[in-house]
Amino acid sequence: MDKIIMFLATGFYSGNLPKAPGTWGSLAALVPWFFMRNLPLPSYLGMVGVVFVVGCVLAGSAEKILDQADAGPIVIDEFVGMFVTLIAAPNHPAAWLLGFLLFRCFDVLKPFPVSWFDQRIHGGFGIMMDDVVAGLYALLSLQILWMIGSKIGG
């Protein structure tokens, strides 16, 4: 069972890649997202909810297996963060890349309240929540920047 937990919690082992596991996990998240992206919004949000709940359990279990709080290889949180970021993303690769970059920035810089969740809420829920909030910042930024870009670009 530990192998299944670690396979999923590490984002299909993408979190085990050297240097910047969160970045690798965020990139790996684009694969399942690509197949989810055309779901009707209620179904998409339902999938995000399922990944969040399952991710809380997986991340908490992986912490115990690794005997380390919020260990780098645990990247299921990056999956849910990317899924949140790309809710209603424009159907354009540039928008997907911008969403990825924005999410990584907010996940790394941790503006409030991302930092609050990261520092004060522990276990699987805490691991997941800071990335959900970073994803919300990235979602809002992506939508605003894309809207501004489309007005400027005509």
Protein backbone atom coordinates (compact mmCIF):
# COMPACT_ATOMS: atom_id res chain seq x y z
CA MET A 1 0.00 0.00 0.00
CA ASP A 2 2.90 2.37 0.75
CA LYS A 3 4.07 2.08 -2.87
CA ILE A 4 0.65 3.12 -4.20
CA ILE A 5 0.48 6.03 -1.75
CA MET A 6 3.95 7.22 -2.74
CA PHE A 7 3.26 6.77 -6.46
CA LEU A 8 0.21 9.03 -6.22
CA ALA A 9 1.52 11.48 -3.59
CA THR A 10 4.68 12.08 -5.63
CA GLY A 11 2.65 12.78 -8.77
CA PHE A 12 3.56 9.54 -10.53
CA TYR A 13 7.10 9.93 -9.12
CA SER A 14 7.58 13.37 -10.73
CA GLY A 15 8.34 14.69 -7.23
CA ASN A 16 11.33 12.36 -7.07
CA LEU A 17 13.09 14.11 -9.96
CA PRO A 18 16.20 16.06 -8.92
CA LYS A 19 15.97 19.78 -8.13
CA ALA A 20 12.67 21.67 -7.88
CA PRO A 21 10.21 18.81 -7.27
CA GLY A 22 7.33 21.29 -7.11
CA THR A 23 8.09 22.48 -10.61
CA TRP A 24 8.26 18.90 -11.92
CA GLY A 25 5.01 18.09 -10.14
CA SER A 26 3.33 21.17 -11.62
CA LEU A 27 4.46 20.15 -15.10
CA ALA A 28 3.28 16.57 -14.56
CA ALA A 29 -0.12 17.93 -13.49
CA LEU A 30 -0.63 19.26 -17.01
CA VAL A 31 -1.04 15.71 -18.34
CA PRO A 32 -4.21 14.77 -16.40
CA TRP A 33 -5.41 18.39 -16.64
CA PHE A 34 -5.22 18.22 -20.44
CA PHE A 35 -7.76 15.39 -20.38
CA MET A 36 -9.97 17.15 -17.79
CA ARG A 37 -9.94 20.59 -19.38
CA ASN A 38 -13.03 20.18 -21.57
CA LEU A 39 -15.25 18.77 -18.83
CA PRO A 40 -18.34 20.82 -18.00
CA LEU A 41 -17.49 23.20 -15.15
CA PRO A 42 -19.46 21.29 -12.46
CA SER A 43 -17.70 18.03 -13.42
CA TYR A 44 -14.31 19.76 -13.52
CA LEU A 45 -14.86 21.29 -10.08
CA GLY A 46 -16.01 17.89 -8.80
CA MET A 47 -12.76 16.34 -10.04
CA VAL A 48 -10.75 19.09 -8.35
CA GLY A 49 -12.67 18.42 -5.14
CA VAL A 50 -11.95 14.70 -5.34
CA VAL A 51 -8.25 15.31 -5.98
CA PHE A 52 -8.19 17.71 -3.02
CA VAL A 53 -9.80 15.26 -0.60
CA VAL A 54 -7.78 12.27 -1.81
CA GLY A 55 -4.67 14.48 -1.86
CA CYS A 56 -5.15 15.43 1.80
CA VAL A 57 -5.15 11.74 2.73
CA LEU A 58 -2.25 10.86 0.42
CA ALA A 59 -0.08 13.81 1.48
CA GLY A 60 -0.66 13.08 5.17
CA SER A 61 0.15 9.40 4.66
CA ALA A 62 3.25 10.18 2.58
CA GLU A 63 4.51 12.52 5.33
CA LYS A 64 4.34 9.61 7.75
CA ILE A 65 6.01 7.20 5.32
CA LEU A 66 8.84 9.67 4.67
CA ASP A 67 8.89 10.75 8.33
CA GLN A 68 9.21 14.37 7.20
CA ALA A 69 6.70 17.23 7.30
CA ASP A 70 5.70 18.52 3.85
CA ALA A 71 8.54 16.61 2.19
CA GLY A 72 9.66 17.88 -1.22
CA PRO A 73 8.74 14.73 -3.15
CA ILE A 74 5.06 15.13 -2.15
CA VAL A 75 3.61 17.00 -5.13
CA ILE A 76 -0.05 15.97 -5.18
CA ASP A 77 -0.62 19.50 -3.84
CA GLU A 78 0.91 20.94 -7.01
CA PHE A 79 -1.59 18.92 -9.02
CA VAL A 80 -4.57 20.46 -7.25
CA GLY A 81 -2.93 23.91 -7.39
CA MET A 82 -2.52 23.64 -11.15
CA PHE A 83 -6.06 22.33 -11.56
CA VAL A 84 -7.34 25.38 -9.63
CA THR A 85 -5.12 27.74 -11.63
CA LEU A 86 -6.40 26.42 -14.94
CA ILE A 87 -10.14 26.50 -14.13
CA ALA A 88 -11.68 28.10 -17.23
CA ALA A 89 -8.24 28.70 -18.75
CA PRO A 90 -8.42 29.98 -22.31
CA ASN A 91 -7.93 27.22 -24.86
CA HIS A 92 -4.49 28.37 -25.86
CA PRO A 93 -1.03 26.94 -25.03
CA ALA A 94 0.21 30.44 -24.11
CA ALA A 95 -2.52 30.65 -21.45
CA TRP A 96 -1.51 27.25 -20.09
CA LEU A 97 2.14 28.31 -19.92
CA LEU A 98 1.20 31.59 -18.24
CA GLY A 99 -0.95 29.69 -15.74
CA PHE A 100 1.96 27.38 -14.97
CA LEU A 101 4.36 30.30 -14.46
CA LEU A 102 1.91 32.24 -12.30
CA PHE A 103 1.19 29.22 -10.12
CA ARG A 104 4.89 28.52 -9.63
CA CYS A 105 5.48 32.19 -8.67
CA PHE A 106 2.68 32.25 -6.09
CA ASP A 107 3.64 28.81 -4.77
CA VAL A 108 7.29 29.83 -4.31
CA LEU A 109 6.76 33.42 -3.09
CA LYS A 110 3.85 32.45 -0.80
CA PRO A 111 2.08 35.80 -0.40
CA PHE A 112 -0.41 35.99 2.47
CA PRO A 113 -2.52 33.90 3.08
CA VAL A 114 -0.54 31.21 1.22
CA SER A 115 2.26 31.63 3.77
CA TRP A 116 -0.23 31.46 6.65
CA PHE A 117 -1.51 28.06 5.49
CA ASP A 118 2.04 26.88 4.81
CA GLN A 119 3.29 27.82 8.28
CA ARG A 120 0.29 27.21 10.52
CA ILE A 121 -1.76 24.35 9.08
CA HIS A 122 -0.03 21.00 9.13
CA GLY A 123 -0.65 17.49 7.87
CA GLY A 124 -2.27 16.61 4.59
CA PHE A 125 -4.80 19.45 4.76
CA GLY A 126 -2.06 22.04 5.27
CA ILE A 127 0.06 20.62 2.47
CA MET A 128 -2.88 20.91 0.09
CA MET A 129 -4.35 24.24 1.21
CA ASP A 130 -1.37 26.50 0.57
CA ASP A 131 -1.33 25.28 -3.03
CA VAL A 132 -5.09 25.76 -3.39
CA VAL A 133 -4.69 29.38 -2.28
CA ALA A 134 -1.65 29.87 -4.55
CA GLY A 135 -3.80 28.39 -7.33
CA LEU A 136 -6.59 30.88 -6.60
CA TYR A 137 -4.11 33.77 -6.88
CA ALA A 138 -2.79 32.33 -10.15
CA LEU A 139 -6.33 31.73 -11.47
CA LEU A 140 -7.33 35.34 -10.82
CA SER A 141 -4.07 36.69 -12.25
CA LEU A 142 -4.33 34.52 -15.36
CA GLN A 143 -7.89 35.63 -16.07
CA ILE A 144 -7.04 39.33 -15.58
CA LEU A 145 -3.83 39.19 -17.62
CA TRP A 146 -5.51 37.25 -20.43
CA MET A 147 -8.40 39.74 -20.51
CA ILE A 148 -5.98 42.69 -20.62
CA GLY A 149 -3.87 40.96 -23.29
CA SER A 150 -6.91 40.25 -25.45
CA LYS A 151 -8.02 43.92 -25.25
CA ILE A 152 -4.55 45.16 -26.14
CA GLY A 153 -4.12 42.56 -28.89
CA GLY A 154 -7.51 43.39 -30.34
